[in-house]
Amino acid sequence: MTVLYFVRHAHSHYTADEYNRPLSDKGLKDRDRVTRLFTNKIIHAIYSSPYKRAVQTVEGIAQGHKLEISKVDSLKERTLSNGNSIDFDSAMQHVWSHPNFAFEGGESNEAAKERAITTLKKIILAHPNDNIVIGTHGNIMVLMIQYFDAQYDYSFWNGLSMPDVYQLTFQHFVLSDVRRVWEE
């Protein structure tokens, strides 16, 4: 079995610079809590979105386990739009209700899911029987889980915390268990 730990990044203040947006002070404190959560777990590899807030959230895990973080561009958060002003909440409801719809300059749920799943499958194949940490984002994390189980949807995404940690257990590409391991 392969065990994946999806670690949704801790809090960061919004800026238009997706790649370099760092964790906030609260995010840095929560990152320390995330690190402690993995202190007594065996971890074989760590992957992350290249976005700074995702990398920062899993840095302590990497240091504690003496592992490098493999940054993978296809694990980045989905692009919602080209930056034109849209109401975020309404836009999120719309893209989750219409999985093939994309705002101008953005990715549809299906396009983002396909991009990330290709990489996720490679990670699972490369790590049979390993425990893997993936530094991620809310939307792309839920889209990846939804690929294996359709019950993970907008409502699930809307209930996530920042940070959040979910443990997924796979037998090859069959998802056998999903459980939240983060305590607020």
N, C-alpha and C. Protein backbone atom coordinates (compact mmCIF):
# COMPACT_ATOMS: atom_id res chain seq x y z
N MET A 1 0.84 -1.19 0.00
CA MET A 1 0.00 0.00 0.00
C MET A 1 0.88 1.25 0.00
N THR A 2 0.42 2.24 -0.70
CA THR A 2 1.07 3.54 -0.69
C THR A 2 0.20 4.47 0.15
N VAL A 3 0.83 5.18 1.07
CA VAL A 3 0.11 6.15 1.89
C VAL A 3 0.57 7.54 1.49
N LEU A 4 -0.38 8.36 1.07
CA LEU A 4 -0.10 9.75 0.73
C LEU A 4 -0.65 10.65 1.82
N TYR A 5 0.14 11.61 2.23
CA TYR A 5 -0.32 12.64 3.16
C TYR A 5 -0.40 13.93 2.37
N PHE A 6 -1.62 14.36 2.07
CA PHE A 6 -1.80 15.66 1.43
C PHE A 6 -1.76 16.72 2.53
N VAL A 7 -0.82 17.64 2.40
CA VAL A 7 -0.69 18.72 3.38
C VAL A 7 -1.07 20.02 2.68
N ARG A 8 -2.29 20.49 2.97
CA ARG A 8 -2.70 21.78 2.42
C ARG A 8 -1.92 22.86 3.14
N HIS A 9 -1.42 23.81 2.37
CA HIS A 9 -0.56 24.85 2.96
C HIS A 9 -1.24 25.63 4.07
N ALA A 10 -0.43 26.16 4.93
CA ALA A 10 -0.89 27.01 6.03
C ALA A 10 -1.27 28.39 5.48
N HIS A 11 -1.77 29.25 6.36
CA HIS A 11 -2.28 30.56 5.97
C HIS A 11 -1.20 31.45 5.35
N SER A 12 -1.60 32.13 4.29
CA SER A 12 -0.76 33.17 3.68
C SER A 12 -1.66 34.33 3.30
N HIS A 13 -1.12 35.54 3.32
CA HIS A 13 -1.89 36.71 2.89
C HIS A 13 -1.90 36.75 1.38
N TYR A 14 -3.07 37.05 0.80
CA TYR A 14 -3.19 37.04 -0.65
C TYR A 14 -2.31 38.10 -1.29
N THR A 15 -1.60 37.68 -2.33
CA THR A 15 -0.92 38.59 -3.26
C THR A 15 -1.11 37.98 -4.64
N ALA A 16 -0.92 38.77 -5.67
CA ALA A 16 -1.08 38.27 -7.04
C ALA A 16 0.07 37.36 -7.46
N ASP A 17 1.16 37.38 -6.72
CA ASP A 17 2.34 36.57 -7.05
C ASP A 17 2.17 35.17 -6.45
N GLU A 18 1.53 34.28 -7.21
CA GLU A 18 1.24 32.94 -6.72
C GLU A 18 2.48 32.15 -6.33
N TYR A 19 3.54 32.26 -7.13
CA TYR A 19 4.74 31.46 -6.87
C TYR A 19 5.49 31.86 -5.60
N ASN A 20 5.48 33.14 -5.28
CA ASN A 20 6.34 33.63 -4.18
C ASN A 20 5.59 34.07 -2.94
N ARG A 21 4.28 33.83 -2.87
CA ARG A 21 3.51 34.26 -1.71
C ARG A 21 3.91 33.42 -0.49
N PRO A 22 4.46 34.05 0.54
CA PRO A 22 4.92 33.29 1.72
C PRO A 22 3.81 33.07 2.74
N LEU A 23 4.10 32.24 3.70
CA LEU A 23 3.19 32.04 4.82
C LEU A 23 3.14 33.30 5.67
N SER A 24 2.01 33.54 6.29
CA SER A 24 1.85 34.64 7.25
C SER A 24 2.46 34.20 8.58
N ASP A 25 2.47 35.08 9.57
CA ASP A 25 2.96 34.71 10.90
C ASP A 25 2.14 33.55 11.47
N LYS A 26 0.83 33.62 11.29
CA LYS A 26 -0.03 32.51 11.74
C LYS A 26 0.32 31.23 10.98
N GLY A 27 0.55 31.37 9.68
CA GLY A 27 0.92 30.22 8.87
C GLY A 27 2.22 29.58 9.33
N LEU A 28 3.18 30.40 9.71
CA LEU A 28 4.46 29.87 10.19
C LEU A 28 4.28 29.10 11.51
N LYS A 29 3.42 29.61 12.39
CA LYS A 29 3.14 28.88 13.64
C LYS A 29 2.45 27.55 13.36
N ASP A 30 1.48 27.57 12.45
CA ASP A 30 0.78 26.35 12.09
C ASP A 30 1.71 25.37 11.37
N ARG A 31 2.67 25.88 10.61
CA ARG A 31 3.65 25.02 9.95
C ARG A 31 4.41 24.19 10.99
N ASP A 32 4.73 24.82 12.12
CA ASP A 32 5.43 24.11 13.19
C ASP A 32 4.56 22.99 13.75
N ARG A 33 3.26 23.23 13.83
CA ARG A 33 2.33 22.18 14.29
C ARG A 33 2.26 21.03 13.28
N VAL A 34 2.26 21.37 11.99
CA VAL A 34 2.27 20.35 10.94
C VAL A 34 3.53 19.51 11.06
N THR A 35 4.66 20.16 11.25
CA THR A 35 5.93 19.44 11.40
C THR A 35 5.86 18.46 12.56
N ARG A 36 5.33 18.89 13.69
CA ARG A 36 5.22 18.00 14.86
C ARG A 36 4.32 16.80 14.58
N LEU A 37 3.29 16.99 13.76
CA LEU A 37 2.39 15.90 13.41
C LEU A 37 3.13 14.73 12.74
N PHE A 38 4.21 15.04 12.05
CA PHE A 38 4.96 14.02 11.31
C PHE A 38 6.22 13.54 12.04
N THR A 39 6.46 14.02 13.24
CA THR A 39 7.68 13.68 13.96
C THR A 39 7.88 12.18 14.11
N ASN A 40 6.85 11.45 14.46
CA ASN A 40 6.99 10.01 14.71
C ASN A 40 6.46 9.14 13.57
N LYS A 41 6.29 9.73 12.39
CA LYS A 41 5.84 8.97 11.23
C LYS A 41 7.04 8.66 10.34
N ILE A 42 7.01 7.53 9.70
CA ILE A 42 8.03 7.19 8.71
C ILE A 42 7.60 7.79 7.38
N ILE A 43 8.46 8.63 6.82
CA ILE A 43 8.19 9.29 5.55
C ILE A 43 9.34 8.95 4.60
N HIS A 44 9.00 8.52 3.39
CA HIS A 44 10.00 8.09 2.43
C HIS A 44 10.35 9.16 1.39
N ALA A 45 9.41 10.04 1.09
CA ALA A 45 9.66 11.08 0.08
C ALA A 45 8.68 12.23 0.29
N ILE A 46 9.09 13.41 -0.18
CA ILE A 46 8.25 14.60 -0.08
C ILE A 46 8.22 15.29 -1.44
N TYR A 47 7.00 15.55 -1.90
CA TYR A 47 6.77 16.29 -3.13
C TYR A 47 5.98 17.54 -2.75
N SER A 48 6.07 18.56 -3.61
CA SER A 48 5.30 19.77 -3.33
C SER A 48 5.03 20.55 -4.60
N SER A 49 3.94 21.29 -4.54
CA SER A 49 3.72 22.38 -5.48
C SER A 49 4.94 23.29 -5.37
N PRO A 50 5.32 23.96 -6.45
CA PRO A 50 6.46 24.87 -6.36
C PRO A 50 6.14 26.19 -5.65
N TYR A 51 4.87 26.43 -5.34
CA TYR A 51 4.50 27.69 -4.70
C TYR A 51 5.12 27.76 -3.30
N LYS A 52 5.66 28.91 -2.97
CA LYS A 52 6.41 29.08 -1.73
C LYS A 52 5.61 28.66 -0.50
N ARG A 53 4.33 29.01 -0.43
CA ARG A 53 3.53 28.70 0.76
C ARG A 53 3.38 27.20 0.95
N ALA A 54 3.30 26.45 -0.14
CA ALA A 54 3.20 24.98 -0.03
C ALA A 54 4.54 24.40 0.41
N VAL A 55 5.63 24.87 -0.18
CA VAL A 55 6.97 24.39 0.17
C VAL A 55 7.27 24.72 1.64
N GLN A 56 6.98 25.95 2.05
CA GLN A 56 7.25 26.34 3.43
C GLN A 56 6.48 25.45 4.42
N THR A 57 5.29 25.05 4.06
CA THR A 57 4.47 24.25 4.99
C THR A 57 5.07 22.87 5.22
N VAL A 58 5.79 22.31 4.24
CA VAL A 58 6.37 20.97 4.41
C VAL A 58 7.88 20.99 4.68
N GLU A 59 8.49 22.16 4.75
CA GLU A 59 9.94 22.26 4.98
C GLU A 59 10.38 21.59 6.27
N GLY A 60 9.64 21.80 7.33
CA GLY A 60 10.02 21.21 8.62
C GLY A 60 9.97 19.69 8.59
N ILE A 61 9.00 19.15 7.86
CA ILE A 61 8.90 17.69 7.71
C ILE A 61 10.15 17.19 6.99
N ALA A 62 10.52 17.88 5.92
CA ALA A 62 11.71 17.49 5.15
C ALA A 62 12.96 17.55 6.01
N GLN A 63 13.12 18.61 6.77
CA GLN A 63 14.30 18.74 7.62
C GLN A 63 14.33 17.65 8.68
N GLY A 64 13.20 17.39 9.31
CA GLY A 64 13.13 16.39 10.37
C GLY A 64 13.39 14.97 9.88
N HIS A 65 13.08 14.70 8.62
CA HIS A 65 13.28 13.36 8.06
C HIS A 65 14.50 13.30 7.13
N LYS A 66 15.23 14.42 7.06
CA LYS A 66 16.42 14.51 6.21
C LYS A 66 16.13 14.11 4.76
N LEU A 67 15.07 14.72 4.22
CA LEU A 67 14.64 14.46 2.85
C LEU A 67 14.62 15.76 2.05
N GLU A 68 14.85 15.64 0.77
CA GLU A 68 14.71 16.78 -0.14
C GLU A 68 13.23 16.91 -0.52
N ILE A 69 12.82 18.11 -0.84
CA ILE A 69 11.47 18.35 -1.35
C ILE A 69 11.56 18.39 -2.87
N SER A 70 10.85 17.49 -3.53
CA SER A 70 10.78 17.51 -4.99
C SER A 70 9.64 18.43 -5.40
N LYS A 71 9.99 19.57 -5.98
CA LYS A 71 8.98 20.53 -6.42
C LYS A 71 8.51 20.15 -7.82
N VAL A 72 7.20 20.02 -7.96
CA VAL A 72 6.62 19.56 -9.22
C VAL A 72 5.58 20.58 -9.68
N ASP A 73 5.85 21.19 -10.82
CA ASP A 73 4.99 22.27 -11.31
C ASP A 73 3.54 21.83 -11.51
N SER A 74 3.32 20.59 -11.92
CA SER A 74 1.96 20.14 -12.18
C SER A 74 1.14 19.94 -10.91
N LEU A 75 1.77 20.09 -9.75
CA LEU A 75 1.03 20.02 -8.48
C LEU A 75 0.62 21.41 -7.97
N LYS A 76 0.90 22.46 -8.76
CA LYS A 76 0.54 23.81 -8.33
C LYS A 76 -0.98 23.96 -8.29
N GLU A 77 -1.42 25.00 -7.61
CA GLU A 77 -2.86 25.26 -7.50
C GLU A 77 -3.44 25.58 -8.87
N ARG A 78 -4.71 25.28 -9.02
CA ARG A 78 -5.40 25.59 -10.27
C ARG A 78 -5.49 27.10 -10.44
N THR A 79 -5.38 27.57 -11.65
CA THR A 79 -5.55 28.98 -11.95
C THR A 79 -7.04 29.21 -12.18
N LEU A 80 -7.62 30.09 -11.41
CA LEU A 80 -9.06 30.33 -11.53
C LEU A 80 -9.39 31.25 -12.71
N SER A 81 -8.59 32.31 -12.89
CA SER A 81 -8.84 33.25 -13.99
C SER A 81 -7.56 34.01 -14.28
N ASN A 82 -7.64 34.91 -15.25
CA ASN A 82 -6.48 35.71 -15.62
C ASN A 82 -6.24 36.88 -14.68
N GLY A 83 -6.93 36.94 -13.59
CA GLY A 83 -6.72 38.01 -12.62
C GLY A 83 -7.74 39.12 -12.70
N ASN A 84 -8.60 39.11 -13.73
CA ASN A 84 -9.68 40.10 -13.77
C ASN A 84 -10.54 39.93 -12.54
N SER A 85 -11.11 41.01 -12.08
CA SER A 85 -11.85 40.92 -10.83
C SER A 85 -13.13 40.10 -11.02
N ILE A 86 -13.20 39.03 -10.27
CA ILE A 86 -14.38 38.19 -10.21
C ILE A 86 -14.65 37.93 -8.74
N ASP A 87 -15.87 37.64 -8.43
CA ASP A 87 -16.21 37.30 -7.05
C ASP A 87 -15.73 35.87 -6.79
N PHE A 88 -14.76 35.73 -5.91
CA PHE A 88 -14.11 34.44 -5.69
C PHE A 88 -15.11 33.36 -5.30
N ASP A 89 -15.97 33.64 -4.32
CA ASP A 89 -16.90 32.62 -3.84
C ASP A 89 -17.86 32.17 -4.95
N SER A 90 -18.41 33.11 -5.69
CA SER A 90 -19.31 32.77 -6.79
C SER A 90 -18.57 32.00 -7.88
N ALA A 91 -17.35 32.44 -8.16
CA ALA A 91 -16.55 31.77 -9.20
C ALA A 91 -16.26 30.33 -8.80
N MET A 92 -15.94 30.10 -7.53
CA MET A 92 -15.65 28.74 -7.07
C MET A 92 -16.89 27.86 -7.17
N GLN A 93 -18.02 28.38 -6.77
CA GLN A 93 -19.26 27.60 -6.88
C GLN A 93 -19.52 27.24 -8.35
N HIS A 94 -19.26 28.20 -9.24
CA HIS A 94 -19.53 27.98 -10.66
C HIS A 94 -18.62 26.90 -11.25
N VAL A 95 -17.32 26.97 -10.98
CA VAL A 95 -16.42 25.98 -11.58
C VAL A 95 -16.65 24.59 -11.00
N TRP A 96 -17.06 24.51 -9.75
CA TRP A 96 -17.35 23.19 -9.18
C TRP A 96 -18.67 22.64 -9.71
N SER A 97 -19.60 23.51 -10.06
CA SER A 97 -20.88 23.07 -10.64
C SER A 97 -20.76 22.75 -12.13
N HIS A 98 -19.75 23.31 -12.77
CA HIS A 98 -19.56 23.13 -14.21
C HIS A 98 -18.09 22.72 -14.43
N PRO A 99 -17.76 21.45 -14.26
CA PRO A 99 -16.37 21.00 -14.23
C PRO A 99 -15.56 21.25 -15.50
N ASN A 100 -16.21 21.47 -16.63
CA ASN A 100 -15.47 21.75 -17.86
C ASN A 100 -15.39 23.24 -18.19
N PHE A 101 -15.99 24.08 -17.33
CA PHE A 101 -15.98 25.52 -17.56
C PHE A 101 -14.67 26.13 -17.03
N ALA A 102 -14.14 27.08 -17.79
CA ALA A 102 -12.96 27.83 -17.34
C ALA A 102 -13.20 29.32 -17.59
N PHE A 103 -12.91 30.13 -16.59
CA PHE A 103 -12.92 31.57 -16.79
C PHE A 103 -11.75 31.93 -17.70
N GLU A 104 -11.80 33.11 -18.30
CA GLU A 104 -10.73 33.54 -19.20
C GLU A 104 -9.38 33.47 -18.48
N GLY A 105 -8.45 32.77 -19.10
CA GLY A 105 -7.11 32.63 -18.52
C GLY A 105 -7.01 31.60 -17.41
N GLY A 106 -8.11 30.92 -17.10
CA GLY A 106 -8.10 29.96 -16.01
C GLY A 106 -8.20 28.52 -16.49
N GLU A 107 -8.19 27.61 -15.54
CA GLU A 107 -8.31 26.19 -15.82
C GLU A 107 -9.66 25.69 -15.34
N SER A 108 -10.25 24.81 -16.09
CA SER A 108 -11.46 24.15 -15.61
C SER A 108 -11.06 23.13 -14.55
N ASN A 109 -12.03 22.67 -13.78
CA ASN A 109 -11.75 21.61 -12.81
C ASN A 109 -11.16 20.39 -13.52
N GLU A 110 -11.76 20.01 -14.65
CA GLU A 110 -11.29 18.82 -15.36
C GLU A 110 -9.87 18.97 -15.87
N ALA A 111 -9.52 20.13 -16.40
CA ALA A 111 -8.15 20.35 -16.91
C ALA A 111 -7.14 20.32 -15.76
N ALA A 112 -7.47 20.97 -14.66
CA ALA A 112 -6.55 20.98 -13.51
C ALA A 112 -6.41 19.57 -12.93
N LYS A 113 -7.52 18.85 -12.84
CA LYS A 113 -7.49 17.48 -12.31
C LYS A 113 -6.61 16.59 -13.19
N GLU A 114 -6.79 16.68 -14.50
CA GLU A 114 -6.01 15.85 -15.42
C GLU A 114 -4.51 16.14 -15.28
N ARG A 115 -4.16 17.41 -15.18
CA ARG A 115 -2.76 17.81 -15.02
C ARG A 115 -2.15 17.20 -13.77
N ALA A 116 -2.86 17.30 -12.66
CA ALA A 116 -2.32 16.83 -11.38
C ALA A 116 -2.35 15.31 -11.27
N ILE A 117 -3.39 14.68 -11.79
CA ILE A 117 -3.52 13.23 -11.67
C ILE A 117 -2.41 12.50 -12.41
N THR A 118 -2.01 13.02 -13.55
CA THR A 118 -0.90 12.41 -14.29
C THR A 118 0.34 12.30 -13.39
N THR A 119 0.64 13.37 -12.68
CA THR A 119 1.77 13.37 -11.76
C THR A 119 1.52 12.48 -10.55
N LEU A 120 0.33 12.55 -10.00
CA LEU A 120 0.02 11.75 -8.81
C LEU A 120 0.16 10.25 -9.12
N LYS A 121 -0.28 9.82 -10.27
CA LYS A 121 -0.15 8.41 -10.65
C LYS A 121 1.33 8.01 -10.75
N LYS A 122 2.15 8.90 -11.29
CA LYS A 122 3.59 8.62 -11.37
C LYS A 122 4.20 8.48 -9.97
N ILE A 123 3.76 9.33 -9.05
CA ILE A 123 4.26 9.26 -7.68
C ILE A 123 3.86 7.93 -7.04
N ILE A 124 2.60 7.54 -7.21
CA ILE A 124 2.14 6.27 -6.63
C ILE A 124 2.92 5.10 -7.21
N LEU A 125 3.12 5.09 -8.53
CA LEU A 125 3.88 4.01 -9.17
C LEU A 125 5.34 3.96 -8.69
N ALA A 126 5.92 5.13 -8.46
CA ALA A 126 7.32 5.19 -8.04
C ALA A 126 7.51 4.81 -6.58
N HIS A 127 6.43 4.78 -5.80
CA HIS A 127 6.55 4.56 -4.35
C HIS A 127 5.59 3.50 -3.83
N PRO A 128 5.65 2.29 -4.37
CA PRO A 128 4.78 1.25 -3.81
C PRO A 128 5.21 0.97 -2.37
N ASN A 129 4.26 0.90 -1.49
CA ASN A 129 4.52 0.60 -0.07
C ASN A 129 5.29 1.69 0.67
N ASP A 130 5.28 2.91 0.16
CA ASP A 130 5.95 4.03 0.84
C ASP A 130 4.93 5.00 1.42
N ASN A 131 5.41 5.84 2.32
CA ASN A 131 4.63 6.93 2.90
C ASN A 131 5.16 8.23 2.31
N ILE A 132 4.30 8.97 1.63
CA ILE A 132 4.69 10.15 0.87
C ILE A 132 3.94 11.38 1.37
N VAL A 133 4.64 12.49 1.54
CA VAL A 133 4.03 13.77 1.87
C VAL A 133 3.95 14.59 0.58
N ILE A 134 2.80 15.23 0.36
CA ILE A 134 2.63 16.11 -0.79
C ILE A 134 2.15 17.47 -0.29
N GLY A 135 2.98 18.49 -0.44
CA GLY A 135 2.61 19.86 -0.10
C GLY A 135 1.70 20.39 -1.19
N THR A 136 0.50 20.80 -0.83
CA THR A 136 -0.50 21.10 -1.85
C THR A 136 -1.38 22.28 -1.47
N HIS A 137 -2.44 22.43 -2.25
CA HIS A 137 -3.41 23.53 -2.12
C HIS A 137 -4.80 22.93 -2.08
N GLY A 138 -5.76 23.68 -1.58
CA GLY A 138 -7.10 23.17 -1.38
C GLY A 138 -7.79 22.66 -2.63
N ASN A 139 -7.85 23.47 -3.67
CA ASN A 139 -8.57 23.08 -4.88
C ASN A 139 -7.94 21.86 -5.54
N ILE A 140 -6.67 21.92 -5.79
CA ILE A 140 -6.02 20.83 -6.52
C ILE A 140 -6.02 19.55 -5.69
N MET A 141 -5.91 19.67 -4.38
CA MET A 141 -5.97 18.50 -3.51
C MET A 141 -7.32 17.81 -3.64
N VAL A 142 -8.40 18.57 -3.54
CA VAL A 142 -9.73 17.97 -3.61
C VAL A 142 -10.00 17.42 -5.00
N LEU A 143 -9.52 18.09 -6.04
CA LEU A 143 -9.70 17.56 -7.40
C LEU A 143 -8.98 16.22 -7.56
N MET A 144 -7.80 16.09 -6.96
CA MET A 144 -7.08 14.81 -7.04
C MET A 144 -7.84 13.71 -6.29
N ILE A 145 -8.34 14.04 -5.10
CA ILE A 145 -9.10 13.04 -4.35
C ILE A 145 -10.38 12.68 -5.11
N GLN A 146 -11.03 13.69 -5.68
CA GLN A 146 -12.28 13.47 -6.42
C GLN A 146 -12.09 12.52 -7.60
N TYR A 147 -10.92 12.54 -8.20
CA TYR A 147 -10.64 11.64 -9.31
C TYR A 147 -10.89 10.18 -8.88
N PHE A 148 -10.56 9.85 -7.64
CA PHE A 148 -10.71 8.50 -7.13
C PHE A 148 -12.04 8.26 -6.43
N ASP A 149 -12.68 9.34 -5.96
CA ASP A 149 -13.94 9.21 -5.24
C ASP A 149 -14.76 10.49 -5.41
N ALA A 150 -15.85 10.40 -6.17
CA ALA A 150 -16.65 11.56 -6.56
C ALA A 150 -17.31 12.30 -5.40
N GLN A 151 -17.38 11.69 -4.22
CA GLN A 151 -18.02 12.38 -3.10
C GLN A 151 -17.23 13.62 -2.63
N TYR A 152 -15.97 13.70 -3.00
CA TYR A 152 -15.15 14.85 -2.60
C TYR A 152 -15.40 15.95 -3.62
N ASP A 153 -16.07 17.01 -3.15
CA ASP A 153 -16.61 18.03 -4.04
C ASP A 153 -16.45 19.42 -3.44
N TYR A 154 -17.23 20.36 -3.98
CA TYR A 154 -17.19 21.75 -3.52
C TYR A 154 -17.43 21.86 -2.01
N SER A 155 -18.41 21.13 -1.51
CA SER A 155 -18.73 21.21 -0.07
C SER A 155 -17.54 20.75 0.77
N PHE A 156 -16.89 19.68 0.32
CA PHE A 156 -15.71 19.20 1.04
C PHE A 156 -14.62 20.26 1.00
N TRP A 157 -14.35 20.79 -0.21
CA TRP A 157 -13.33 21.84 -0.35
C TRP A 157 -13.65 23.02 0.57
N ASN A 158 -14.90 23.43 0.58
CA ASN A 158 -15.31 24.60 1.35
C ASN A 158 -15.14 24.39 2.86
N GLY A 159 -15.07 23.15 3.30
CA GLY A 159 -14.90 22.85 4.72
C GLY A 159 -13.47 22.64 5.16
N LEU A 160 -12.52 22.75 4.23
CA LEU A 160 -11.11 22.55 4.59
C LEU A 160 -10.60 23.69 5.46
N SER A 161 -9.63 23.38 6.28
CA SER A 161 -8.94 24.42 7.05
C SER A 161 -7.60 24.71 6.38
N MET A 162 -6.91 25.68 6.90
CA MET A 162 -5.64 26.11 6.36
C MET A 162 -4.66 26.25 7.52
N PRO A 163 -3.77 25.29 7.75
CA PRO A 163 -3.49 24.09 6.95
C PRO A 163 -4.52 22.99 7.21
N ASP A 164 -4.36 21.92 6.47
CA ASP A 164 -5.16 20.72 6.68
C ASP A 164 -4.33 19.55 6.21
N VAL A 165 -4.57 18.38 6.79
CA VAL A 165 -3.78 17.19 6.42
C VAL A 165 -4.71 16.00 6.29
N TYR A 166 -4.63 15.35 5.14
CA TYR A 166 -5.43 14.15 4.87
C TYR A 166 -4.51 13.00 4.50
N GLN A 167 -4.80 11.84 5.07
CA GLN A 167 -4.07 10.61 4.76
C GLN A 167 -4.91 9.76 3.81
N LEU A 168 -4.32 9.41 2.66
CA LEU A 168 -4.99 8.59 1.67
C LEU A 168 -4.20 7.29 1.51
N THR A 169 -4.89 6.18 1.54
CA THR A 169 -4.25 4.88 1.40
C THR A 169 -4.66 4.28 0.06
N PHE A 170 -3.66 3.85 -0.70
CA PHE A 170 -3.88 3.29 -2.04
C PHE A 170 -3.34 1.87 -2.13
N GLN A 171 -4.08 1.01 -2.82
CA GLN A 171 -3.59 -0.26 -3.33
C GLN A 171 -3.46 -0.03 -4.82
N HIS A 172 -2.23 0.17 -5.28
CA HIS A 172 -1.96 0.59 -6.65
C HIS A 172 -2.75 1.88 -6.91
N PHE A 173 -3.75 1.88 -7.80
CA PHE A 173 -4.52 3.10 -8.05
C PHE A 173 -5.91 3.03 -7.44
N VAL A 174 -6.12 2.13 -6.51
CA VAL A 174 -7.42 2.02 -5.85
C VAL A 174 -7.34 2.70 -4.49
N LEU A 175 -8.14 3.73 -4.32
CA LEU A 175 -8.18 4.46 -3.05
C LEU A 175 -9.00 3.66 -2.06
N SER A 176 -8.38 3.22 -0.96
CA SER A 176 -9.09 2.39 0.00
C SER A 176 -9.48 3.13 1.27
N ASP A 177 -8.84 4.28 1.53
CA ASP A 177 -9.17 4.99 2.77
C ASP A 177 -8.76 6.46 2.67
N VAL A 178 -9.60 7.33 3.19
CA VAL A 178 -9.28 8.76 3.31
C VAL A 178 -9.62 9.15 4.74
N ARG A 179 -8.66 9.76 5.42
CA ARG A 179 -8.96 10.23 6.76
C ARG A 179 -8.21 11.54 7.05
N ARG A 180 -8.88 12.38 7.76
CA ARG A 180 -8.27 13.64 8.17
C ARG A 180 -7.40 13.36 9.39
N VAL A 181 -6.16 13.83 9.36
CA VAL A 181 -5.25 13.63 10.49
C VAL A 181 -4.83 14.93 11.15
N TRP A 182 -5.39 16.03 10.68
CA TRP A 182 -5.10 17.35 11.25
C TRP A 182 -6.13 17.67 12.32
N GLU A 183 -5.67 18.20 13.45
CA GLU A 183 -6.57 18.66 14.48
C GLU A 183 -6.37 20.15 14.68
N GLU A 184 -7.47 20.88 14.57
CA GLU A 184 -7.39 22.34 14.71
C GLU A 184 -7.28 22.73 16.15
